[in-house]
Amino acid sequence: MPLQRRLPKFGFNSRKARYAAAIRTDALSRCGEEVIDLAVLRKAKLVGRSKVRVKVIAAGKLDKALVVRGLIVSRGAREMIEAAGGTVEP
């Protein structure tokens, strides 16, 4: 039997996944803050200390106006935030 079939198989673990996280838009409204950034998400324990990049994705409902600062925002999440009266700042 060939060597590649005899060795154990291992999956792929991305190194970028250790430092990136995804947050849903409905979780932003549960933070209780009006201005959302990485420090607020860490304080609310939605993101771990090792996460450096956070991407906001469109999922759920957003019923209040929020200001999102310094986070990566998907196109659908940007439309949802702006439709609720909020803004996205770089």
Protein backbone atom coordinates (compact mmCIF):
# COMPACT_ATOMS: atom_id res chain seq x y z
CA MET A 1 0.00 0.00 0.00
CA PRO A 2 1.38 3.47 -0.87
CA LEU A 3 2.69 5.69 1.90
CA GLN A 4 0.10 8.44 1.38
CA ARG A 5 -2.68 5.97 2.09
CA ARG A 6 -1.02 4.62 5.22
CA LEU A 7 -0.45 7.98 6.93
CA PRO A 8 -3.23 9.56 9.00
CA LYS A 9 -5.23 12.31 7.36
CA PHE A 10 -5.44 15.77 8.89
CA GLY A 11 -7.69 18.69 8.02
CA PHE A 12 -6.79 22.24 7.15
CA ASN A 13 -6.67 24.86 9.92
CA SER A 14 -6.47 28.42 8.70
CA ARG A 15 -4.14 30.71 10.64
CA LYS A 16 -6.32 33.70 9.81
CA ALA A 17 -9.29 32.12 11.59
CA ARG A 18 -7.56 32.59 14.95
CA TYR A 19 -7.70 36.37 14.60
CA ALA A 20 -11.00 36.91 12.73
CA ALA A 21 -14.62 36.65 13.83
CA ALA A 22 -18.07 37.18 12.32
CA ILE A 23 -20.89 38.96 14.14
CA ARG A 24 -24.55 39.01 13.12
CA THR A 25 -26.46 42.29 12.95
CA ASP A 26 -28.99 41.16 15.55
CA ALA A 27 -26.13 40.67 18.03
CA LEU A 28 -25.13 44.32 17.58
CA SER A 29 -28.47 45.52 18.92
CA ARG A 30 -28.06 43.34 22.02
CA CYS A 31 -24.81 45.12 22.99
CA GLY A 32 -26.71 48.01 24.53
CA GLU A 33 -24.36 50.64 23.09
CA GLU A 34 -25.03 53.19 20.38
CA VAL A 35 -21.47 53.21 18.99
CA ILE A 36 -20.16 49.74 18.16
CA ASP A 37 -16.44 49.02 17.83
CA LEU A 38 -14.06 46.21 18.74
CA ALA A 39 -13.74 47.30 22.40
CA VAL A 40 -17.53 47.30 22.86
CA LEU A 41 -17.81 43.81 21.37
CA ARG A 42 -15.08 42.54 23.69
CA LYS A 43 -16.77 44.15 26.68
CA ALA A 44 -20.06 42.47 25.77
CA LYS A 45 -18.15 39.15 25.41
CA LEU A 46 -19.27 38.66 21.82
CA VAL A 47 -15.64 38.55 20.62
CA GLY A 48 -12.63 37.00 22.30
CA ARG A 49 -9.45 38.84 23.24
CA SER A 50 -7.41 37.21 20.48
CA LYS A 51 -9.67 38.49 17.68
CA VAL A 52 -8.29 41.43 15.73
CA ARG A 53 -10.68 41.62 12.77
CA VAL A 54 -14.45 41.44 13.03
CA LYS A 55 -16.86 41.28 10.12
CA VAL A 56 -20.51 42.22 10.52
CA ILE A 57 -22.86 40.08 8.44
CA ALA A 58 -26.54 40.64 7.69
CA ALA A 59 -28.63 38.21 9.72
CA GLY A 60 -31.66 38.85 11.88
CA LYS A 61 -33.37 42.17 12.51
CA LEU A 62 -31.89 45.52 13.40
CA ASP A 63 -34.40 47.91 14.95
CA LYS A 64 -32.28 50.78 16.27
CA ALA A 65 -29.80 53.20 14.75
CA LEU A 66 -26.16 52.27 15.40
CA VAL A 67 -22.79 53.74 14.50
CA VAL A 68 -20.33 51.01 13.51
CA ARG A 69 -16.66 52.04 13.70
CA GLY A 70 -13.55 50.19 12.60
CA LEU A 71 -15.25 46.93 11.66
CA ILE A 72 -15.53 45.19 8.31
CA VAL A 73 -19.15 45.28 7.15
CA SER A 74 -20.74 43.18 4.40
CA ARG A 75 -22.85 44.88 1.73
CA GLY A 76 -26.12 43.51 3.12
CA ALA A 77 -25.24 44.51 6.67
CA ARG A 78 -24.33 48.04 5.50
CA GLU A 79 -27.72 48.39 3.80
CA MET A 80 -29.48 47.06 6.91
CA ILE A 81 -27.64 49.47 9.25
CA GLU A 82 -28.27 52.46 7.00
CA ALA A 83 -31.95 51.52 6.58
CA ALA A 84 -32.31 51.58 10.39
CA GLY A 85 -30.86 55.12 10.45
CA GLY A 86 -27.30 54.24 11.47
CA THR A 87 -23.95 54.85 9.84
CA VAL A 88 -20.82 52.84 9.04
CA GLU A 89 -17.49 54.58 9.65
CA PRO A 90 -14.09 53.22 8.59
